[in-house]
N, C-alpha and C. Protein backbone atom coordinates (compact mmCIF):
# COMPACT_ATOMS: atom_id res chain seq x y z
N MET A 1 -8.28 18.78 26.13
CA MET A 1 -8.77 17.42 26.45
C MET A 1 -7.72 16.24 26.09
N LYS A 2 -7.18 15.56 26.71
CA LYS A 2 -5.98 14.62 26.40
C LYS A 2 -6.86 13.25 25.94
N VAL A 3 -6.28 12.91 24.93
CA VAL A 3 -6.71 11.65 24.25
C VAL A 3 -5.65 10.62 23.89
N ILE A 4 -6.12 9.61 23.55
CA ILE A 4 -4.97 8.68 23.26
C ILE A 4 -5.86 8.14 22.10
N LEU A 5 -4.79 8.19 20.75
CA LEU A 5 -5.06 7.80 19.58
C LEU A 5 -5.37 6.20 19.26
N ARG A 6 -6.12 5.79 19.02
CA ARG A 6 -6.12 4.19 18.58
C ARG A 6 -5.67 3.95 16.93
N GLN A 7 -5.91 4.81 16.19
CA GLN A 7 -5.38 4.73 14.80
C GLN A 7 -4.48 5.82 14.52
N ASN A 8 -3.57 5.69 13.59
CA ASN A 8 -2.90 6.57 12.98
C ASN A 8 -3.69 7.81 12.07
N LEU A 9 -3.67 8.69 12.59
CA LEU A 9 -4.27 9.97 12.15
C LEU A 9 -3.39 10.98 11.47
N GLU A 10 -3.49 11.33 10.28
CA GLU A 10 -2.27 12.11 9.73
C GLU A 10 -2.30 13.45 10.26
N THR A 11 -3.05 14.29 10.53
CA THR A 11 -3.15 15.33 11.34
C THR A 11 -2.81 15.38 12.48
N LEU A 12 -3.05 14.21 13.33
CA LEU A 12 -2.72 14.40 14.93
C LEU A 12 -1.51 13.37 15.35
N GLY A 13 -1.50 12.42 14.69
CA GLY A 13 -0.27 11.49 15.34
C GLY A 13 -0.73 10.04 15.13
N LYS A 14 0.47 8.88 15.77
CA LYS A 14 0.32 7.68 15.57
C LYS A 14 -0.60 7.22 16.56
N THR A 15 -0.80 5.70 16.19
CA THR A 15 -1.59 4.87 17.31
C THR A 15 -0.78 4.70 18.56
N GLY A 16 -1.48 5.17 19.66
CA GLY A 16 -0.60 5.30 20.94
C GLY A 16 -0.48 6.68 21.35
N ASP A 17 -0.28 7.70 20.66
CA ASP A 17 0.15 9.01 20.84
C ASP A 17 -1.02 9.49 21.73
N VAL A 18 -0.41 10.20 22.79
CA VAL A 18 -1.61 11.20 23.72
C VAL A 18 -1.27 12.67 23.15
N VAL A 19 -2.53 13.31 22.77
CA VAL A 19 -2.49 14.31 22.10
C VAL A 19 -3.11 15.54 22.58
N GLU A 20 -3.00 16.34 22.64
CA GLU A 20 -4.27 17.33 23.45
C GLU A 20 -5.14 18.02 22.22
N VAL A 21 -6.36 17.90 22.35
CA VAL A 21 -7.52 18.24 21.13
C VAL A 21 -8.47 19.13 21.93
N LYS A 22 -9.22 19.84 21.34
CA LYS A 22 -10.31 20.39 21.82
C LYS A 22 -11.39 19.51 22.36
N ASN A 23 -12.37 19.96 23.40
CA ASN A 23 -13.25 19.12 24.06
C ASN A 23 -14.14 18.87 22.87
N GLY A 24 -14.92 19.75 22.04
CA GLY A 24 -15.76 19.19 21.44
C GLY A 24 -15.32 18.16 20.24
N PHE A 25 -14.07 18.53 19.89
CA PHE A 25 -13.56 17.45 18.66
C PHE A 25 -13.36 16.10 19.00
N ALA A 26 -13.00 15.96 20.53
CA ALA A 26 -12.73 14.64 21.16
C ALA A 26 -14.22 13.97 21.45
N LEU A 27 -15.01 14.71 22.01
CA LEU A 27 -16.12 14.03 22.34
C LEU A 27 -17.26 14.28 21.10
N ASN A 28 -17.40 14.72 20.01
CA ASN A 28 -17.94 14.67 19.08
C ASN A 28 -17.86 13.93 17.76
N TYR A 29 -16.65 13.68 17.81
CA TYR A 29 -15.51 13.25 16.50
C TYR A 29 -14.80 11.78 16.87
N LEU A 30 -13.72 11.99 17.70
CA LEU A 30 -12.83 10.92 17.90
C LEU A 30 -13.37 9.98 18.64
N ILE A 31 -14.00 10.37 19.76
CA ILE A 31 -14.01 8.96 20.54
C ILE A 31 -15.55 8.17 20.18
N PRO A 32 -16.45 8.83 19.80
CA PRO A 32 -17.77 8.07 18.95
C PRO A 32 -17.01 7.14 17.90
N ARG A 33 -16.28 7.93 17.06
CA ARG A 33 -15.91 6.98 15.63
C ARG A 33 -14.62 5.72 16.29
N GLY A 34 -14.48 5.92 17.31
CA GLY A 34 -13.41 4.67 17.84
C GLY A 34 -12.14 5.54 17.14
N TYR A 35 -11.75 6.58 16.98
CA TYR A 35 -10.21 7.00 16.76
C TYR A 35 -9.26 7.09 18.14
N ALA A 36 -10.18 7.66 19.08
CA ALA A 36 -9.46 7.63 20.21
C ALA A 36 -9.96 6.92 21.83
N TYR A 37 -9.36 7.28 22.67
CA TYR A 37 -9.83 7.10 24.17
C TYR A 37 -9.65 8.12 25.02
N LEU A 38 -10.18 8.19 25.82
CA LEU A 38 -10.10 9.40 27.18
C LEU A 38 -8.58 9.02 27.75
N ALA A 39 -7.56 9.94 27.87
CA ALA A 39 -6.49 9.90 28.24
C ALA A 39 -6.48 9.26 29.86
N SER A 40 -6.74 7.98 30.66
CA SER A 40 -6.81 7.68 31.82
C SER A 40 -5.91 6.68 32.10
N LYS A 41 -5.28 6.83 33.25
CA LYS A 41 -4.33 5.45 33.67
C LYS A 41 -4.44 4.11 33.02
N GLY A 42 -5.84 3.75 33.27
CA GLY A 42 -6.08 2.32 32.95
C GLY A 42 -5.88 2.42 31.15
N ASN A 43 -6.54 3.10 30.51
CA ASN A 43 -6.64 3.33 28.90
C ASN A 43 -5.04 3.61 28.48
N LEU A 44 -4.30 4.07 29.26
CA LEU A 44 -2.60 4.21 28.95
C LEU A 44 -2.28 2.70 28.92
N ARG A 45 -2.54 1.92 30.20
CA ARG A 45 -1.85 0.72 30.04
C ARG A 45 -2.60 -0.34 29.02
N ALA A 46 -3.85 0.09 28.87
CA ALA A 46 -4.57 -0.66 27.19
C ALA A 46 -4.05 -0.45 26.39
N VAL A 47 -3.43 0.80 26.14
CA VAL A 47 -3.18 0.90 24.57
C VAL A 47 -1.58 0.54 24.81
N GLU A 48 -0.79 0.70 25.35
CA GLU A 48 0.65 0.04 25.88
C GLU A 48 0.49 -1.52 25.10
N VAL A 49 -0.68 -2.24 25.72
CA VAL A 49 -0.62 -3.82 25.09
C VAL A 49 -1.04 -3.60 23.92
N GLU A 50 -1.98 -2.94 23.46
CA GLU A 50 -2.00 -2.95 22.35
C GLU A 50 -1.29 -2.21 21.12
N ARG A 51 -0.39 -1.42 21.47
CA ARG A 51 0.58 -1.08 20.67
C ARG A 51 1.73 -2.09 20.55
N VAL A 52 1.99 -3.01 21.38
CA VAL A 52 3.05 -4.21 21.46
C VAL A 52 2.38 -4.87 20.18
N SER A 53 1.07 -5.29 20.28
CA SER A 53 0.74 -6.48 19.19
C SER A 53 0.67 -5.84 18.05
N LEU A 54 0.20 -4.77 17.89
CA LEU A 54 0.38 -3.89 16.54
C LEU A 54 1.70 -4.00 15.92
N GLU A 55 2.86 -3.62 16.80
CA GLU A 55 4.02 -3.61 16.35
C GLU A 55 4.62 -5.18 15.90
N LYS A 56 4.09 -5.79 16.75
CA LYS A 56 4.61 -7.40 16.30
C LYS A 56 3.61 -7.80 14.83
N LYS A 57 2.18 -7.46 14.64
CA LYS A 57 1.55 -7.47 13.35
C LYS A 57 2.43 -6.65 12.23
N GLU A 58 2.73 -5.53 12.57
CA GLU A 58 3.37 -4.60 11.54
C GLU A 58 4.77 -5.40 10.79
N GLN A 59 5.84 -6.08 12.08
CA GLN A 59 6.51 -6.69 11.81
C GLN A 59 6.53 -7.87 10.66
N LYS A 60 5.41 -8.60 11.07
CA LYS A 60 5.04 -9.68 10.13
C LYS A 60 4.65 -9.41 8.64
N GLU A 61 3.66 -8.39 8.87
CA GLU A 61 3.28 -7.77 7.39
C GLU A 61 4.55 -7.34 6.72
N ILE A 62 5.68 -6.69 7.51
CA ILE A 62 6.80 -6.15 6.43
C ILE A 62 7.64 -7.62 5.87
N SER A 63 7.58 -8.71 6.91
CA SER A 63 8.50 -9.78 6.43
C SER A 63 7.76 -10.43 5.52
N ASP A 64 6.28 -10.53 5.44
CA ASP A 64 5.75 -11.22 4.26
C ASP A 64 5.92 -10.05 2.79
N SER A 65 5.85 -8.86 3.23
CA SER A 65 5.92 -8.43 2.03
C SER A 65 7.18 -8.41 1.28
N GLN A 66 8.36 -8.43 2.37
CA GLN A 66 9.78 -8.61 1.58
C GLN A 66 9.96 -10.09 1.18
N LYS A 67 9.14 -11.01 1.43
CA LYS A 67 9.52 -12.25 0.80
C LYS A 67 8.72 -12.24 -0.44
N LEU A 68 7.51 -11.41 -0.47
CA LEU A 68 6.92 -11.55 -1.78
C LEU A 68 7.54 -10.39 -2.66
N ALA A 69 8.21 -9.72 -2.27
CA ALA A 69 9.03 -8.79 -3.34
C ALA A 69 10.19 -9.75 -3.68
N GLU A 70 10.52 -10.46 -3.11
CA GLU A 70 11.74 -11.30 -3.54
C GLU A 70 11.34 -12.28 -4.55
N GLU A 71 10.20 -12.75 -4.37
CA GLU A 71 9.64 -13.58 -5.56
C GLU A 71 9.39 -12.91 -6.65
N LEU A 72 8.62 -11.58 -6.63
CA LEU A 72 8.23 -10.80 -7.61
C LEU A 72 9.47 -10.27 -8.40
N GLU A 73 10.61 -9.93 -7.77
CA GLU A 73 11.48 -9.39 -8.85
C GLU A 73 12.30 -10.49 -9.59
N LYS A 74 11.85 -11.90 -9.38
CA LYS A 74 12.67 -13.08 -10.09
C LYS A 74 11.89 -12.99 -11.76
N ILE A 75 10.46 -12.31 -11.26
CA ILE A 75 9.51 -12.68 -12.81
C ILE A 75 9.65 -11.42 -13.59
N SER A 76 8.94 -11.78 -14.87
CA SER A 76 9.00 -10.44 -15.84
C SER A 76 7.47 -11.32 -16.55
N ILE A 77 6.91 -9.96 -16.83
CA ILE A 77 5.82 -10.64 -17.68
C ILE A 77 5.59 -9.85 -18.99
N ASN A 78 4.78 -10.72 -19.94
CA ASN A 78 4.71 -10.02 -21.18
C ASN A 78 3.15 -9.74 -21.41
N ILE A 79 2.91 -8.64 -21.92
CA ILE A 79 1.32 -7.74 -22.16
C ILE A 79 1.75 -7.65 -23.75
N PRO A 80 0.93 -8.34 -24.33
CA PRO A 80 0.82 -8.61 -25.83
C PRO A 80 -0.55 -7.56 -26.23
N VAL A 81 -0.06 -6.27 -27.12
CA VAL A 81 -0.91 -5.04 -27.21
C VAL A 81 -0.97 -5.20 -28.78
N GLN A 82 -1.92 -4.27 -29.32
CA GLN A 82 -2.20 -4.21 -30.52
C GLN A 82 -1.58 -2.83 -30.87
N VAL A 83 -0.78 -2.99 -31.93
CA VAL A 83 -0.14 -1.58 -32.42
C VAL A 83 -0.50 -1.35 -33.57
N GLY A 84 -0.24 0.01 -33.96
CA GLY A 84 -0.52 0.47 -35.29
C GLY A 84 0.70 1.00 -36.27
N GLU A 85 0.65 2.14 -36.80
CA GLU A 85 1.63 2.42 -37.69
C GLU A 85 3.11 2.79 -36.83
N GLU A 86 3.99 2.67 -37.17
CA GLU A 86 5.40 3.22 -36.10
C GLU A 86 5.32 2.25 -34.75
N ASP A 87 4.73 1.24 -34.85
CA ASP A 87 4.74 0.40 -33.69
C ASP A 87 4.13 1.36 -32.31
N ARG A 88 3.18 2.09 -32.54
CA ARG A 88 2.80 3.05 -31.54
C ARG A 88 1.05 2.03 -31.19
N LEU A 89 1.29 1.85 -29.57
CA LEU A 89 0.12 1.20 -29.17
C LEU A 89 -1.32 2.07 -29.51
N PHE A 90 -2.24 1.11 -29.49
CA PHE A 90 -3.87 1.70 -29.20
C PHE A 90 -4.07 1.64 -27.71
N GLY A 91 -3.98 3.15 -27.45
CA GLY A 91 -4.08 2.89 -25.94
C GLY A 91 -2.66 3.29 -25.41
N SER A 92 -2.91 2.58 -24.02
CA SER A 92 -1.74 2.49 -23.18
C SER A 92 -1.89 0.95 -22.31
N VAL A 93 -0.64 0.78 -21.79
CA VAL A 93 -0.58 -0.31 -20.81
C VAL A 93 -1.05 0.22 -19.64
N THR A 94 -2.08 -0.17 -18.96
CA THR A 94 -2.62 0.18 -17.67
C THR A 94 -2.10 -0.57 -16.52
N SER A 95 -2.10 -0.50 -15.35
CA SER A 95 -1.85 -1.28 -13.99
C SER A 95 -3.07 -2.20 -13.99
N GLN A 96 -4.06 -2.14 -14.35
CA GLN A 96 -4.99 -3.06 -14.40
C GLN A 96 -4.83 -4.31 -15.41
N MET A 97 -4.20 -4.18 -16.31
CA MET A 97 -3.51 -5.03 -17.50
C MET A 97 -2.45 -5.66 -16.50
N ILE A 98 -1.31 -4.98 -15.96
CA ILE A 98 -0.29 -5.44 -15.47
C ILE A 98 -0.89 -6.60 -14.33
N ALA A 99 -1.90 -5.95 -13.69
CA ALA A 99 -2.00 -6.69 -12.33
C ALA A 99 -2.70 -8.29 -13.07
N ASP A 100 -3.74 -8.02 -14.16
CA ASP A 100 -4.29 -9.34 -14.38
C ASP A 100 -2.94 -10.20 -15.08
N ALA A 101 -1.97 -9.65 -15.51
CA ALA A 101 -0.80 -10.68 -16.06
C ALA A 101 0.21 -11.34 -14.74
N LEU A 102 0.04 -10.30 -13.93
CA LEU A 102 0.41 -11.13 -12.49
C LEU A 102 -0.46 -12.04 -11.96
N LYS A 103 -1.76 -11.72 -12.22
CA LYS A 103 -2.80 -12.96 -11.50
C LYS A 103 -2.49 -14.29 -12.27
N GLU A 104 -2.37 -13.86 -13.68
CA GLU A 104 -2.10 -15.39 -14.32
C GLU A 104 -0.79 -16.22 -13.75
N LYS A 105 -0.17 -15.55 -13.13
CA LYS A 105 1.37 -16.12 -12.71
C LYS A 105 1.14 -16.23 -11.14
N ASN A 106 -0.13 -16.64 -10.70
CA ASN A 106 -0.59 -16.60 -9.28
C ASN A 106 -0.02 -15.70 -8.27
N PHE A 107 0.16 -14.38 -8.74
CA PHE A 107 0.37 -13.45 -7.75
C PHE A 107 -0.93 -12.25 -7.59
N ASP A 108 -1.42 -12.44 -6.62
CA ASP A 108 -2.61 -11.47 -6.71
C ASP A 108 -2.43 -10.31 -6.23
N ILE A 109 -1.81 -9.04 -6.65
CA ILE A 109 -1.62 -7.85 -6.61
C ILE A 109 -2.68 -6.75 -6.83
N ASP A 110 -3.27 -5.72 -6.10
CA ASP A 110 -4.11 -4.95 -6.12
C ASP A 110 -3.59 -4.13 -7.25
N LYS A 111 -4.25 -3.53 -8.11
CA LYS A 111 -3.93 -2.39 -9.24
C LYS A 111 -3.31 -1.24 -8.66
N ARG A 112 -3.93 -0.86 -7.71
CA ARG A 112 -3.74 0.22 -6.71
C ARG A 112 -2.05 0.30 -6.09
N LYS A 113 -1.60 -0.81 -6.04
CA LYS A 113 -0.26 -0.92 -5.57
C LYS A 113 0.49 -0.83 -6.78
N ILE A 114 0.45 -1.15 -7.84
CA ILE A 114 1.29 -1.17 -9.11
C ILE A 114 1.36 0.66 -9.59
N GLU A 115 2.46 1.05 -9.22
CA GLU A 115 3.02 2.42 -9.66
C GLU A 115 3.62 2.76 -11.08
N LEU A 116 3.04 3.31 -11.79
CA LEU A 116 3.44 3.42 -13.48
C LEU A 116 3.87 5.01 -13.40
N GLU A 117 5.32 5.13 -13.52
CA GLU A 117 5.94 6.59 -13.57
C GLU A 117 5.25 7.31 -14.52
N ASP A 118 5.19 6.77 -15.81
CA ASP A 118 4.51 7.17 -16.86
C ASP A 118 3.88 6.38 -17.79
N GLN A 119 2.59 6.93 -18.67
CA GLN A 119 1.95 6.18 -19.25
C GLN A 119 2.60 4.98 -20.48
N ILE A 120 2.75 3.87 -20.59
CA ILE A 120 3.45 3.24 -21.28
C ILE A 120 2.71 3.25 -22.75
N LYS A 121 3.45 3.65 -23.68
CA LYS A 121 2.44 3.63 -25.21
C LYS A 121 2.94 3.31 -26.37
N THR A 122 4.47 2.64 -25.67
CA THR A 122 5.45 1.85 -26.81
C THR A 122 5.76 0.58 -26.71
N LEU A 123 6.26 -0.14 -27.64
CA LEU A 123 6.73 -1.44 -27.19
C LEU A 123 7.93 -1.42 -26.57
N GLY A 124 8.32 -2.17 -25.82
CA GLY A 124 9.54 -2.39 -25.38
C GLY A 124 9.59 -3.12 -23.91
N ILE A 125 10.86 -2.69 -22.85
CA ILE A 125 10.88 -3.42 -21.42
C ILE A 125 11.00 -2.37 -20.73
N PHE A 126 10.02 -2.42 -19.86
CA PHE A 126 9.75 -1.44 -18.93
C PHE A 126 9.99 -1.88 -17.46
N ASP A 127 10.66 -1.14 -16.30
CA ASP A 127 10.69 -1.61 -15.09
C ASP A 127 9.73 -0.63 -14.38
N VAL A 128 8.61 -1.79 -13.49
CA VAL A 128 7.49 -1.13 -13.36
C VAL A 128 7.80 -1.31 -11.23
N ASN A 129 6.97 -0.54 -10.75
CA ASN A 129 7.39 -0.57 -9.27
C ASN A 129 6.18 -1.21 -8.44
N ILE A 130 6.01 -2.03 -7.58
CA ILE A 130 4.91 -2.25 -6.94
C ILE A 130 5.10 -2.24 -5.40
N LYS A 131 4.48 -1.29 -4.93
CA LYS A 131 4.40 -1.00 -3.35
C LYS A 131 3.66 -1.90 -2.85
N LEU A 132 3.96 -2.99 -2.03
CA LEU A 132 3.59 -4.24 -1.36
C LEU A 132 3.36 -3.28 0.33
N HIS A 133 3.96 -2.58 0.59
CA HIS A 133 3.98 -2.15 1.93
C HIS A 133 4.57 -0.66 2.03
N SER A 134 4.20 0.02 3.26
CA SER A 134 4.72 1.27 3.18
C SER A 134 6.43 1.66 3.07
N LYS A 135 6.99 0.23 3.56
CA LYS A 135 8.49 0.54 3.79
C LYS A 135 8.94 -0.87 2.53
N VAL A 136 8.22 -1.30 1.86
CA VAL A 136 8.42 -2.59 1.04
C VAL A 136 8.22 -2.47 -0.54
N SER A 137 9.07 -2.22 -1.50
CA SER A 137 8.53 -2.05 -2.75
C SER A 137 9.22 -3.21 -3.45
N ALA A 138 8.73 -3.49 -4.57
CA ALA A 138 9.72 -4.45 -5.80
C ALA A 138 9.35 -3.82 -7.06
N LYS A 139 10.25 -4.29 -7.75
CA LYS A 139 10.23 -3.74 -9.11
C LYS A 139 10.33 -5.19 -10.25
N ILE A 140 9.30 -4.99 -10.97
CA ILE A 140 9.03 -5.92 -12.05
C ILE A 140 9.31 -5.74 -13.25
N LYS A 141 9.67 -6.44 -14.50
CA LYS A 141 9.85 -6.18 -15.61
C LYS A 141 9.09 -6.38 -16.38
N VAL A 142 8.25 -5.42 -17.38
CA VAL A 142 7.27 -6.12 -18.03
C VAL A 142 7.68 -5.72 -19.32
N TRP A 143 7.55 -6.49 -20.02
CA TRP A 143 7.77 -6.62 -21.64
C TRP A 143 6.65 -6.54 -22.69
N VAL A 144 6.26 -5.29 -23.01
CA VAL A 144 5.40 -5.07 -24.10
C VAL A 144 5.65 -5.41 -25.22
N VAL A 145 4.64 -6.16 -26.01
CA VAL A 145 5.03 -6.71 -27.35
C VAL A 145 3.80 -6.99 -27.96
N ARG A 146 4.31 -7.17 -29.22
CA ARG A 146 3.25 -6.87 -30.70
C ARG A 146 2.15 -8.23 -30.34
N GLU A 147 1.00 -7.89 -30.12
CA GLU A 147 -0.04 -9.12 -30.41
C GLU A 147 -0.17 -10.01 -31.60
């Protein structure tokens, strides 16, 4: 059975793709959950209109993310932590701590978008990557300092 995808599905394809799936999969899973339409001429025209609007929406999201990335790359944040002997941290600096520090500077970034390569367990300056969109990311400087 041919169906038109309404959403990006990792195993099948992107929005608007016409794919061939088994009848049971289409009728019992994809169509009832709103993931796909039956592939008819009317639905193909409707999906084209929907695809155009989705492309415009994605372009707007990318441009907004790029503007935010430019602003983020200009700032650096300080995270004061308690340290023990030999300047070792009690615990580590987490993405939640970085998100809270960004919130104090009026940037509302979700902690799941902050990508820490390794755990930060020492004092110093670190470059932290923030994934704002699938195509846009920003690097900020994080200063881990003694409290």
